[in-house]
């Protein structure tokens, strides 16, 4: 007897490609030399160091390689400190779920918040 089940139309899983791993490894080697941000002063005038500029470029490439949506976060180091000032809404929202860290081979691939 044949079944009449309709297959579920699931989107394909995004594979973690060798290029994605290469980009992530390159990001991990970059060191930040930025001056500390003055959150009480003109924090918007903070200038990124060459390392942060390069890391941002690699992060954008990794975001595209993983085919993430614009609102999804790219890979973050699991031990990275929260960059926002304590008590701010962004700091509270920036608390990451540590559960996916152990399952991922690349770090914490974060989705929607």
PDB file of N, CA and C in Angstrom:
ATOM      1  N   UNK A   1       0.840  -1.173   0.000  1.00  0.00           N
ATOM      2  CA  UNK A   1       0.000   0.000   0.000  1.00  0.00           C
ATOM      3  C   UNK A   1       0.889   1.242   0.000  1.00  0.00           C
ATOM      4  N   UNK A   2       0.644   2.148  -0.920  1.00  0.00           N
ATOM      5  CA  UNK A   2       1.424   3.372  -1.029  1.00  0.00           C
ATOM      6  C   UNK A   2       0.948   4.409  -0.024  1.00  0.00           C
ATOM      7  N   UNK A   3       1.867   5.251   0.418  1.00  0.00           N
ATOM      8  CA  UNK A   3       1.481   6.326   1.327  1.00  0.00           C
ATOM      9  C   UNK A   3       1.246   7.605   0.545  1.00  0.00           C
ATOM     10  N   UNK A   4       0.517   8.514   1.132  1.00  0.00           N
ATOM     11  CA  UNK A   4       0.232   9.803   0.491  1.00  0.00           C
ATOM     12  C   UNK A   4       0.874  10.945   1.270  1.00  0.00           C
ATOM     13  N   UNK A   5       1.986  10.640   1.944  1.00  0.00           N
ATOM     14  CA  UNK A   5       2.641  11.684   2.721  1.00  0.00           C
ATOM     15  C   UNK A   5       3.308  12.689   1.806  1.00  0.00           C
ATOM     16  N   UNK A   6       3.209  13.941   2.197  1.00  0.00           N
ATOM     17  CA  UNK A   6       3.869  15.013   1.466  1.00  0.00           C
ATOM     18  C   UNK A   6       5.234  15.249   2.099  1.00  0.00           C
ATOM     19  N   UNK A   7       6.295  15.208   1.312  1.00  0.00           N
ATOM     20  CA  UNK A   7       7.618  15.455   1.897  1.00  0.00           C
ATOM     21  C   UNK A   7       7.708  16.869   2.472  1.00  0.00           C
ATOM     22  N   UNK A   8       8.417  16.985   3.569  1.00  0.00           N
ATOM     23  CA  UNK A   8       8.634  18.293   4.190  1.00  0.00           C
ATOM     24  C   UNK A   8       9.680  19.037   3.377  1.00  0.00           C
ATOM     25  N   UNK A   9       9.367  20.260   3.032  1.00  0.00           N
ATOM     26  CA  UNK A   9      10.285  21.076   2.239  1.00  0.00           C
ATOM     27  C   UNK A   9      11.233  21.811   3.179  1.00  0.00           C
ATOM     28  N   UNK A  10      12.299  21.117   3.610  1.00  0.00           N
ATOM     29  CA  UNK A  10      13.268  21.713   4.518  1.00  0.00           C
ATOM     30  C   UNK A  10      14.373  22.396   3.723  1.00  0.00           C
ATOM     31  N   UNK A  11      14.836  23.538   4.214  1.00  0.00           N
ATOM     32  CA  UNK A  11      15.980  24.158   3.534  1.00  0.00           C
ATOM     33  C   UNK A  11      17.228  23.319   3.764  1.00  0.00           C
ATOM     34  N   UNK A  12      18.130  23.282   2.798  1.00  0.00           N
ATOM     35  CA  UNK A  12      19.354  22.489   2.983  1.00  0.00           C
ATOM     36  C   UNK A  12      20.222  23.085   4.088  1.00  0.00           C
ATOM     37  N   UNK A  13      20.920  22.226   4.800  1.00  0.00           N
ATOM     38  CA  UNK A  13      21.833  22.690   5.849  1.00  0.00           C
ATOM     39  C   UNK A  13      23.061  23.296   5.198  1.00  0.00           C
ATOM     40  N   UNK A  14      23.529  24.370   5.774  1.00  0.00           N
ATOM     41  CA  UNK A  14      24.721  25.020   5.247  1.00  0.00           C
ATOM     42  C   UNK A  14      25.948  24.248   5.697  1.00  0.00           C
ATOM     43  N   UNK A  15      26.721  23.745   4.759  1.00  0.00           N
ATOM     44  CA  UNK A  15      27.920  23.009   5.161  1.00  0.00           C
ATOM     45  C   UNK A  15      29.020  23.955   5.628  1.00  0.00           C
ATOM     46  N   UNK A  16      29.807  23.490   6.547  1.00  0.00           N
ATOM     47  CA  UNK A  16      30.981  24.254   6.968  1.00  0.00           C
ATOM     48  C   UNK A  16      32.098  23.836   6.026  1.00  0.00           C
ATOM     49  N   UNK A  17      32.416  24.705   5.114  1.00  0.00           N
ATOM     50  CA  UNK A  17      33.363  24.407   4.042  1.00  0.00           C
ATOM     51  C   UNK A  17      34.807  24.610   4.499  1.00  0.00           C
ATOM     52  N   UNK A  18      35.757  24.048   3.760  1.00  0.00           N
ATOM     53  CA  UNK A  18      37.170  24.311   4.077  1.00  0.00           C
ATOM     54  C   UNK A  18      37.499  25.810   4.019  1.00  0.00           C
ATOM     55  N   UNK A  19      36.857  26.547   3.121  1.00  0.00           N
ATOM     56  CA  UNK A  19      37.082  27.998   3.038  1.00  0.00           C
ATOM     57  C   UNK A  19      36.591  28.689   4.305  1.00  0.00           C
ATOM     58  N   UNK A  20      35.452  28.257   4.844  1.00  0.00           N
ATOM     59  CA  UNK A  20      34.928  28.840   6.083  1.00  0.00           C
ATOM     60  C   UNK A  20      35.907  28.586   7.231  1.00  0.00           C
ATOM     61  N   UNK A  21      36.460  27.405   7.288  1.00  0.00           N
ATOM     62  CA  UNK A  21      37.425  27.078   8.341  1.00  0.00           C
ATOM     63  C   UNK A  21      38.690  27.921   8.176  1.00  0.00           C
ATOM     64  N   UNK A  22      39.142  28.090   6.926  1.00  0.00           N
ATOM     65  CA  UNK A  22      40.325  28.910   6.674  1.00  0.00           C
ATOM     66  C   UNK A  22      40.091  30.349   7.132  1.00  0.00           C
ATOM     67  N   UNK A  23      38.912  30.903   6.816  1.00  0.00           N
ATOM     68  CA  UNK A  23      38.594  32.275   7.218  1.00  0.00           C
ATOM     69  C   UNK A  23      38.552  32.400   8.748  1.00  0.00           C
ATOM     70  N   UNK A  24      37.936  31.428   9.414  1.00  0.00           N
ATOM     71  CA  UNK A  24      37.836  31.475  10.864  1.00  0.00           C
ATOM     72  C   UNK A  24      39.217  31.379  11.511  1.00  0.00           C
ATOM     73  N   UNK A  25      40.052  30.484  11.004  1.00  0.00           N
ATOM     74  CA  UNK A  25      41.409  30.338  11.548  1.00  0.00           C
ATOM     75  C   UNK A  25      42.205  31.631  11.356  1.00  0.00           C
ATOM     76  N   UNK A  26      42.028  32.280  10.210  1.00  0.00           N
ATOM     77  CA  UNK A  26      42.715  33.556   9.965  1.00  0.00           C
ATOM     78  C   UNK A  26      42.220  34.617  10.942  1.00  0.00           C
ATOM     79  N   UNK A  27      40.919  34.615  11.243  1.00  0.00           N
ATOM     80  CA  UNK A  27      40.360  35.580  12.201  1.00  0.00           C
ATOM     81  C   UNK A  27      40.946  35.369  13.590  1.00  0.00           C
ATOM     82  N   UNK A  28      41.147  34.108  13.979  1.00  0.00           N
ATOM     83  CA  UNK A  28      41.665  33.818  15.317  1.00  0.00           C
ATOM     84  C   UNK A  28      43.096  34.304  15.500  1.00  0.00           C
ATOM     85  N   UNK A  29      43.870  34.359  14.423  1.00  0.00           N
ATOM     86  CA  UNK A  29      45.280  34.772  14.526  1.00  0.00           C
ATOM     87  C   UNK A  29      45.440  36.286  14.650  1.00  0.00           C
ATOM     88  N   UNK A  30      44.432  37.053  14.338  1.00  0.00           N
ATOM     89  CA  UNK A  30      44.539  38.519  14.342  1.00  0.00           C
ATOM     90  C   UNK A  30      44.434  39.046  15.771  1.00  0.00           C
ATOM     91  N   UNK A  31      45.324  39.946  16.113  1.00  0.00           N
ATOM     92  CA  UNK A  31      45.333  40.558  17.443  1.00  0.00           C
ATOM     93  C   UNK A  31      44.836  41.994  17.367  1.00  0.00           C
ATOM     94  N   UNK A  32      44.051  42.382  18.341  1.00  0.00           N
ATOM     95  CA  UNK A  32      43.541  43.750  18.426  1.00  0.00           C
ATOM     96  C   UNK A  32      44.555  44.616  19.169  1.00  0.00           C
ATOM     97  N   UNK A  33      44.816  45.802  18.603  1.00  0.00           N
ATOM     98  CA  UNK A  33      45.697  46.765  19.264  1.00  0.00           C
ATOM     99  C   UNK A  33      44.967  48.089  19.482  1.00  0.00           C
ATOM    100  N   UNK A  34      43.623  48.047  19.473  1.00  0.00           N
ATOM    101  CA  UNK A  34      42.819  49.266  19.653  1.00  0.00           C
ATOM    102  C   UNK A  34      43.003  49.845  21.056  1.00  0.00           C
ATOM    103  N   UNK A  35      42.885  51.161  21.136  1.00  0.00           N
ATOM    104  CA  UNK A  35      42.820  51.818  22.432  1.00  0.00           C
ATOM    105  C   UNK A  35      41.471  51.469  23.065  1.00  0.00           C
ATOM    106  N   UNK A  36      41.401  51.392  24.391  1.00  0.00           N
ATOM    107  CA  UNK A  36      40.115  51.115  25.032  1.00  0.00           C
ATOM    108  C   UNK A  36      39.080  52.185  24.655  1.00  0.00           C
ATOM    109  N   UNK A  37      37.854  51.752  24.444  1.00  0.00           N
ATOM    110  CA  UNK A  37      36.778  52.665  24.070  1.00  0.00           C
ATOM    111  C   UNK A  37      36.305  53.432  25.303  1.00  0.00           C
ATOM    112  N   UNK A  38      36.138  54.738  25.168  1.00  0.00           N
ATOM    113  CA  UNK A  38      35.656  55.587  26.260  1.00  0.00           C
ATOM    114  C   UNK A  38      34.135  55.660  26.176  1.00  0.00           C
ATOM    115  N   UNK A  39      33.465  54.779  26.928  1.00  0.00           N
ATOM    116  CA  UNK A  39      32.006  54.719  26.856  1.00  0.00           C
ATOM    117  C   UNK A  39      31.338  55.928  27.487  1.00  0.00           C
ATOM    118  N   UNK A  40      32.042  56.677  28.323  1.00  0.00           N
ATOM    119  CA  UNK A  40      31.460  57.867  28.942  1.00  0.00           C
ATOM    120  C   UNK A  40      31.684  59.112  28.092  1.00  0.00           C
ATOM    121  N   UNK A  41      32.565  59.027  27.126  1.00  0.00           N
ATOM    122  CA  UNK A  41      32.873  60.175  26.273  1.00  0.00           C
ATOM    123  C   UNK A  41      32.290  59.996  24.883  1.00  0.00           C
ATOM    124  N   UNK A  42      33.062  60.378  23.894  1.00  0.00           N
ATOM    125  CA  UNK A  42      32.616  60.272  22.504  1.00  0.00           C
ATOM    126  C   UNK A  42      33.008  58.903  21.949  1.00  0.00           C
ATOM    127  N   UNK A  43      32.267  57.870  22.378  1.00  0.00           N
ATOM    128  CA  UNK A  43      32.595  56.499  21.980  1.00  0.00           C
ATOM    129  C   UNK A  43      32.442  56.270  20.481  1.00  0.00           C
ATOM    130  N   UNK A  44      31.629  57.083  19.813  1.00  0.00           N
ATOM    131  CA  UNK A  44      31.404  56.913  18.376  1.00  0.00           C
ATOM    132  C   UNK A  44      32.615  57.354  17.546  1.00  0.00           C
ATOM    133  N   UNK A  45      33.555  58.054  18.172  1.00  0.00           N
ATOM    134  CA  UNK A  45      34.754  58.479  17.469  1.00  0.00           C
ATOM    135  C   UNK A  45      35.884  57.462  17.591  1.00  0.00           C
ATOM    136  N   UNK A  46      35.601  56.327  18.185  1.00  0.00           N
ATOM    137  CA  UNK A  46      36.601  55.260  18.332  1.00  0.00           C
ATOM    138  C   UNK A  46      37.050  54.776  16.955  1.00  0.00           C
ATOM    139  N   UNK A  47      38.358  54.670  16.756  1.00  0.00           N
ATOM    140  CA  UNK A  47      38.881  54.180  15.485  1.00  0.00           C
ATOM    141  C   UNK A  47      39.435  52.774  15.673  1.00  0.00           C
ATOM    142  N   UNK A  48      39.091  51.905  14.742  1.00  0.00           N
ATOM    143  CA  UNK A  48      39.548  50.526  14.805  1.00  0.00           C
ATOM    144  C   UNK A  48      41.004  50.415  14.356  1.00  0.00           C
ATOM    145  N   UNK A  49      41.717  49.483  14.960  1.00  0.00           N
ATOM    146  CA  UNK A  49      43.104  49.225  14.560  1.00  0.00           C
ATOM    147  C   UNK A  49      43.097  48.420  13.258  1.00  0.00           C
ATOM    148  N   UNK A  50      44.270  48.243  12.671  1.00  0.00           N
ATOM    149  CA  UNK A  50      44.385  47.487  11.421  1.00  0.00           C
ATOM    150  C   UNK A  50      43.938  46.037  11.610  1.00  0.00           C
ATOM    151  N   UNK A  51      44.205  45.470  12.783  1.00  0.00           N
ATOM    152  CA  UNK A  51      43.789  44.095  13.061  1.00  0.00           C
ATOM    153  C   UNK A  51      42.271  43.954  13.078  1.00  0.00           C
ATOM    154  N   UNK A  52      41.598  44.899  13.704  1.00  0.00           N
ATOM    155  CA  UNK A  52      40.130  44.846  13.759  1.00  0.00           C
ATOM    156  C   UNK A  52      39.525  45.063  12.379  1.00  0.00           C
ATOM    157  N   UNK A  53      40.130  45.948  11.593  1.00  0.00           N
ATOM    158  CA  UNK A  53      39.646  46.170  10.219  1.00  0.00           C
ATOM    159  C   UNK A  53      39.770  44.879   9.409  1.00  0.00           C
ATOM    160  N   UNK A  54      40.904  44.191   9.532  1.00  0.00           N
ATOM    161  CA  UNK A  54      41.110  42.933   8.806  1.00  0.00           C
ATOM    162  C   UNK A  54      40.154  41.858   9.308  1.00  0.00           C
ATOM    163  N   UNK A  55      39.962  41.779  10.629  1.00  0.00           N
ATOM    164  CA  UNK A  55      39.029  40.801  11.185  1.00  0.00           C
ATOM    165  C   UNK A  55      37.617  41.050  10.679  1.00  0.00           C
ATOM    166  N   UNK A  56      37.208  42.315  10.579  1.00  0.00           N
ATOM    167  CA  UNK A  56      35.878  42.638  10.057  1.00  0.00           C
ATOM    168  C   UNK A  56      35.741  42.215   8.598  1.00  0.00           C
ATOM    169  N   UNK A  57      36.801  42.402   7.821  1.00  0.00           N
ATOM    170  CA  UNK A  57      36.758  41.985   6.416  1.00  0.00           C
ATOM    171  C   UNK A  57      36.605  40.467   6.314  1.00  0.00           C
ATOM    172  N   UNK A  58      37.386  39.743   7.120  1.00  0.00           N
ATOM    173  CA  UNK A  58      37.290  38.286   7.121  1.00  0.00           C
ATOM    174  C   UNK A  58      35.933  37.815   7.631  1.00  0.00           C
ATOM    175  N   UNK A  59      35.401  38.512   8.641  1.00  0.00           N
ATOM    176  CA  UNK A  59      34.084  38.154   9.185  1.00  0.00           C
ATOM    177  C   UNK A  59      32.998  38.307   8.129  1.00  0.00           C
ATOM    178  N   UNK A  60      33.058  39.387   7.338  1.00  0.00           N
ATOM    179  CA  UNK A  60      32.071  39.574   6.268  1.00  0.00           C
ATOM    180  C   UNK A  60      32.172  38.453   5.235  1.00  0.00           C
ATOM    181  N   UNK A  61      33.404  38.069   4.895  1.00  0.00           N
ATOM    182  CA  UNK A  61      33.591  36.964   3.950  1.00  0.00           C
ATOM    183  C   UNK A  61      33.065  35.650   4.525  1.00  0.00           C
ATOM    184  N   UNK A  62      33.304  35.433   5.814  1.00  0.00           N
ATOM    185  CA  UNK A  62      32.813  34.214   6.460  1.00  0.00           C
ATOM    186  C   UNK A  62      31.286  34.206   6.497  1.00  0.00           C
ATOM    187  N   UNK A  63      30.703  35.348   6.768  1.00  0.00           N
ATOM    188  CA  UNK A  63      29.240  35.479   6.787  1.00  0.00           C
ATOM    189  C   UNK A  63      28.659  35.052   5.434  1.00  0.00           C
ATOM    190  N   UNK A  64      29.286  35.495   4.358  1.00  0.00           N
ATOM    191  CA  UNK A  64      28.833  35.118   3.021  1.00  0.00           C
ATOM    192  C   UNK A  64      29.085  33.641   2.751  1.00  0.00           C
ATOM    193  N   UNK A  65      30.227  33.142   3.173  1.00  0.00           N
ATOM    194  CA  UNK A  65      30.570  31.734   2.942  1.00  0.00           C
ATOM    195  C   UNK A  65      29.577  30.797   3.634  1.00  0.00           C
ATOM    196  N   UNK A  66      29.125  31.183   4.832  1.00  0.00           N
ATOM    197  CA  UNK A  66      28.168  30.369   5.579  1.00  0.00           C
ATOM    198  C   UNK A  66      26.725  30.604   5.127  1.00  0.00           C
ATOM    199  N   UNK A  67      26.549  31.543   4.210  1.00  0.00           N
ATOM    200  CA  UNK A  67      25.224  31.895   3.669  1.00  0.00           C
ATOM    201  C   UNK A  67      24.239  32.277   4.775  1.00  0.00           C
ATOM    202  N   UNK A  68      24.717  33.098   5.684  1.00  0.00           N
ATOM    203  CA  UNK A  68      23.866  33.554   6.780  1.00  0.00           C
ATOM    204  C   UNK A  68      22.972  34.692   6.315  1.00  0.00           C
ATOM    205  N   UNK A  69      21.839  34.821   6.956  1.00  0.00           N
ATOM    206  CA  UNK A  69      20.926  35.928   6.691  1.00  0.00           C
ATOM    207  C   UNK A  69      21.529  37.196   7.302  1.00  0.00           C
ATOM    208  N   UNK A  70      21.123  38.383   6.812  1.00  0.00           N
ATOM    209  CA  UNK A  70      21.701  39.627   7.343  1.00  0.00           C
ATOM    210  C   UNK A  70      21.525  39.797   8.851  1.00  0.00           C
ATOM    211  N   UNK A  71      20.465  39.272   9.427  1.00  0.00           N
ATOM    212  CA  UNK A  71      20.210  39.455  10.854  1.00  0.00           C
ATOM    213  C   UNK A  71      20.876  38.374  11.711  1.00  0.00           C
ATOM    214  N   UNK A  72      21.470  37.373  11.090  1.00  0.00           N
ATOM    215  CA  UNK A  72      22.145  36.333  11.851  1.00  0.00           C
ATOM    216  C   UNK A  72      23.583  36.744  12.135  1.00  0.00           C
ATOM    217  N   UNK A  73      24.051  36.398  13.305  1.00  0.00           N
ATOM    218  CA  UNK A  73      25.415  36.756  13.685  1.00  0.00           C
ATOM    219  C   UNK A  73      26.393  35.758  13.123  1.00  0.00           C
ATOM    220  N   UNK A  74      27.565  36.255  12.822  1.00  0.00           N
ATOM    221  CA  UNK A  74      28.629  35.399  12.324  1.00  0.00           C
ATOM    222  C   UNK A  74      29.298  34.731  13.520  1.00  0.00           C
ATOM    223  N   UNK A  75      30.354  34.061  13.282  1.00  0.00           N
ATOM    224  CA  UNK A  75      31.078  33.337  14.319  1.00  0.00           C
ATOM    225  C   UNK A  75      31.699  34.306  15.310  1.00  0.00           C
ATOM    226  N   UNK A  76      31.561  33.988  16.571  1.00  0.00           N
ATOM    227  CA  UNK A  76      32.169  34.772  17.643  1.00  0.00           C
ATOM    228  C   UNK A  76      33.001  33.813  18.486  1.00  0.00           C
ATOM    229  N   UNK A  77      34.084  34.302  19.005  1.00  0.00           N
ATOM    230  CA  UNK A  77      34.893  33.472  19.899  1.00  0.00           C
ATOM    231  C   UNK A  77      34.083  33.205  21.167  1.00  0.00           C
ATOM    232  N   UNK A  78      34.020  31.957  21.619  1.00  0.00           N
ATOM    233  CA  UNK A  78      33.207  31.639  22.787  1.00  0.00           C
ATOM    234  C   UNK A  78      33.657  32.352  24.056  1.00  0.00           C
ATOM    235  N   UNK A  79      34.933  32.716  24.137  1.00  0.00           N
ATOM    236  CA  UNK A  79      35.435  33.380  25.341  1.00  0.00           C
ATOM    237  C   UNK A  79      35.573  34.890  25.153  1.00  0.00           C
ATOM    238  N   UNK A  80      35.022  35.428  24.058  1.00  0.00           N
ATOM    239  CA  UNK A  80      35.127  36.865  23.801  1.00  0.00           C
ATOM    240  C   UNK A  80      34.297  37.643  24.825  1.00  0.00           C
ATOM    241  N   UNK A  81      34.863  38.699  25.373  1.00  0.00           N
ATOM    242  CA  UNK A  81      34.094  39.495  26.334  1.00  0.00           C
ATOM    243  C   UNK A  81      33.011  40.285  25.620  1.00  0.00           C
ATOM    244  N   UNK A  82      31.956  40.588  26.333  1.00  0.00           N
ATOM    245  CA  UNK A  82      30.872  41.391  25.784  1.00  0.00           C
ATOM    246  C   UNK A  82      31.415  42.803  25.562  1.00  0.00           C
ATOM    247  N   UNK A  83      31.344  43.336  24.331  1.00  0.00           N
ATOM    248  CA  UNK A  83      31.972  44.624  24.040  1.00  0.00           C
ATOM    249  C   UNK A  83      31.176  45.836  24.507  1.00  0.00           C
ATOM    250  N   UNK A  84      29.931  45.653  24.941  1.00  0.00           N
ATOM    251  CA  UNK A  84      29.081  46.790  25.294  1.00  0.00           C
ATOM    252  C   UNK A  84      29.227  47.150  26.765  1.00  0.00           C
ATOM    253  N   UNK A  85      28.960  48.411  27.127  1.00  0.00           N
ATOM    254  CA  UNK A  85      29.101  48.817  28.529  1.00  0.00           C
ATOM    255  C   UNK A  85      28.078  48.104  29.415  1.00  0.00           C
ATOM    256  N   UNK A  86      28.513  47.726  30.603  1.00  0.00           N
ATOM    257  CA  UNK A  86      27.638  47.030  31.548  1.00  0.00           C
ATOM    258  C   UNK A  86      26.409  47.879  31.854  1.00  0.00           C
ATOM    259  N   UNK A  87      25.264  47.223  31.912  1.00  0.00           N
ATOM    260  CA  UNK A  87      24.014  47.912  32.215  1.00  0.00           C
ATOM    261  C   UNK A  87      23.281  48.431  30.994  1.00  0.00           C
ATOM    262  N   UNK A  88      23.940  48.455  29.839  1.00  0.00           N
ATOM    263  CA  UNK A  88      23.267  48.941  28.631  1.00  0.00           C
ATOM    264  C   UNK A  88      22.379  47.837  28.051  1.00  0.00           C
ATOM    265  N   UNK A  89      21.328  48.207  27.313  1.00  0.00           N
ATOM    266  CA  UNK A  89      20.474  47.185  26.685  1.00  0.00           C
ATOM    267  C   UNK A  89      21.265  46.272  25.749  1.00  0.00           C
ATOM    268  N   UNK A  90      22.239  46.819  25.030  1.00  0.00           N
ATOM    269  CA  UNK A  90      23.046  46.001  24.125  1.00  0.00           C
ATOM    270  C   UNK A  90      23.857  44.971  24.909  1.00  0.00           C
ATOM    271  N   UNK A  91      24.336  45.352  26.103  1.00  0.00           N
ATOM    272  CA  UNK A  91      25.109  44.422  26.926  1.00  0.00           C
ATOM    273  C   UNK A  91      24.218  43.281  27.398  1.00  0.00           C
ATOM    274  N   UNK A  92      23.008  43.604  27.819  1.00  0.00           N
ATOM    275  CA  UNK A  92      22.079  42.565  28.276  1.00  0.00           C
ATOM    276  C   UNK A  92      21.685  41.645  27.127  1.00  0.00           C
ATOM    277  N   UNK A  93      21.473  42.202  25.943  1.00  0.00           N
ATOM    278  CA  UNK A  93      21.091  41.417  24.775  1.00  0.00           C
ATOM    279  C   UNK A  93      22.271  40.598  24.265  1.00  0.00           C
ATOM    280  N   UNK A  94      23.472  41.028  24.563  1.00  0.00           N
ATOM    281  CA  UNK A  94      24.672  40.373  24.059  1.00  0.00           C
ATOM    282  C   UNK A  94      25.093  39.150  24.828  1.00  0.00           C
ATOM    283  N   UNK A  95      24.313  38.725  25.806  1.00  0.00           N
ATOM    284  CA  UNK A  95      24.661  37.513  26.545  1.00  0.00           C
ATOM    285  C   UNK A  95      24.382  36.321  25.642  1.00  0.00           C
ATOM    286  N   UNK A  96      25.423  35.552  25.375  1.00  0.00           N
ATOM    287  CA  UNK A  96      25.320  34.474  24.408  1.00  0.00           C
ATOM    288  C   UNK A  96      24.981  33.157  25.085  1.00  0.00           C
ATOM    289  N   UNK A  97      24.263  32.332  24.370  1.00  0.00           N
ATOM    290  CA  UNK A  97      23.936  31.000  24.833  1.00  0.00           C
ATOM    291  C   UNK A  97      25.172  30.128  24.648  1.00  0.00           C
ATOM    292  N   UNK A  98      25.709  29.609  25.719  1.00  0.00           N
ATOM    293  CA  UNK A  98      26.941  28.830  25.636  1.00  0.00           C
ATOM    294  C   UNK A  98      26.707  27.403  25.169  1.00  0.00           C
ATOM    295  N   UNK A  99      25.463  26.945  25.086  1.00  0.00           N
ATOM    296  CA  UNK A  99      25.169  25.562  24.718  1.00  0.00           C
ATOM    297  C   UNK A  99      25.725  25.174  23.350  1.00  0.00           C
ATOM    298  N   UNK A 100      25.590  25.999  22.294  1.00  0.00           N
ATOM    299  CA  UNK A 100      26.076  25.532  21.000  1.00  0.00           C
ATOM    300  C   UNK A 100      27.588  25.495  20.857  1.00  0.00           C
ATOM    301  N   UNK A 101      28.320  26.058  21.790  1.00  0.00           N
ATOM    302  CA  UNK A 101      29.769  26.154  21.643  1.00  0.00           C
ATOM    303  C   UNK A 101      30.405  24.775  21.551  1.00  0.00           C
ATOM    304  N   UNK A 102      29.984  23.849  22.389  1.00  0.00           N
ATOM    305  CA  UNK A 102      30.588  22.530  22.403  1.00  0.00           C
ATOM    306  C   UNK A 102      30.267  21.696  21.172  1.00  0.00           C
ATOM    307  N   UNK A 103      29.172  21.962  20.507  1.00  0.00           N
ATOM    308  CA  UNK A 103      28.771  21.153  19.366  1.00  0.00           C
ATOM    309  C   UNK A 103      29.415  21.626  18.069  1.00  0.00           C
ATOM    310  N   UNK A 104      29.913  22.830  18.033  1.00  0.00           N
ATOM    311  CA  UNK A 104      30.438  23.390  16.792  1.00  0.00           C
ATOM    312  C   UNK A 104      31.931  23.165  16.716  1.00  0.00           C
ATOM    313  N   UNK A 105      32.399  22.828  15.543  1.00  0.00           N
ATOM    314  CA  UNK A 105      33.829  22.626  15.353  1.00  0.00           C
ATOM    315  C   UNK A 105      34.569  23.917  15.141  1.00  0.00           C
ATOM    316  N   UNK A 106      33.859  25.047  14.940  1.00  0.00           N
ATOM    317  CA  UNK A 106      34.513  26.313  14.622  1.00  0.00           C
ATOM    318  C   UNK A 106      34.400  27.349  15.722  1.00  0.00           C
ATOM    319  N   UNK A 107      33.600  27.144  16.680  1.00  0.00           N
ATOM    320  CA  UNK A 107      33.345  28.183  17.670  1.00  0.00           C
ATOM    321  C   UNK A 107      31.854  28.322  17.810  1.00  0.00           C
ATOM    322  N   UNK A 108      31.374  29.462  18.153  1.00  0.00           N
ATOM    323  CA  UNK A 108      29.961  29.675  18.383  1.00  0.00           C
ATOM    324  C   UNK A 108      29.337  30.333  17.167  1.00  0.00           C
ATOM    325  N   UNK A 109      28.666  29.564  16.332  1.00  0.00           N
ATOM    326  CA  UNK A 109      27.950  30.127  15.195  1.00  0.00           C
ATOM    327  C   UNK A 109      26.608  30.556  15.742  1.00  0.00           C
ATOM    328  N   UNK A 110      26.398  31.844  15.781  1.00  0.00           N
ATOM    329  CA  UNK A 110      25.212  32.347  16.443  1.00  0.00           C
ATOM    330  C   UNK A 110      24.123  32.680  15.454  1.00  0.00           C
ATOM    331  N   UNK A 111      22.925  32.397  15.846  1.00  0.00           N
ATOM    332  CA  UNK A 111      21.767  32.698  15.019  1.00  0.00           C
ATOM    333  C   UNK A 111      21.046  33.927  15.511  1.00  0.00           C
ATOM    334  N   UNK A 112      19.756  33.949  15.295  1.00  0.00           N
ATOM    335  CA  UNK A 112      18.932  35.109  15.659  1.00  0.00           C
ATOM    336  C   UNK A 112      18.904  35.287  17.165  1.00  0.00           C
ATOM    337  N   UNK A 113      18.799  36.523  17.595  1.00  0.00           N
ATOM    338  CA  UNK A 113      18.603  36.847  19.007  1.00  0.00           C
ATOM    339  C   UNK A 113      17.225  37.367  19.194  1.00  0.00           C
TER     340      UNK A 113
END
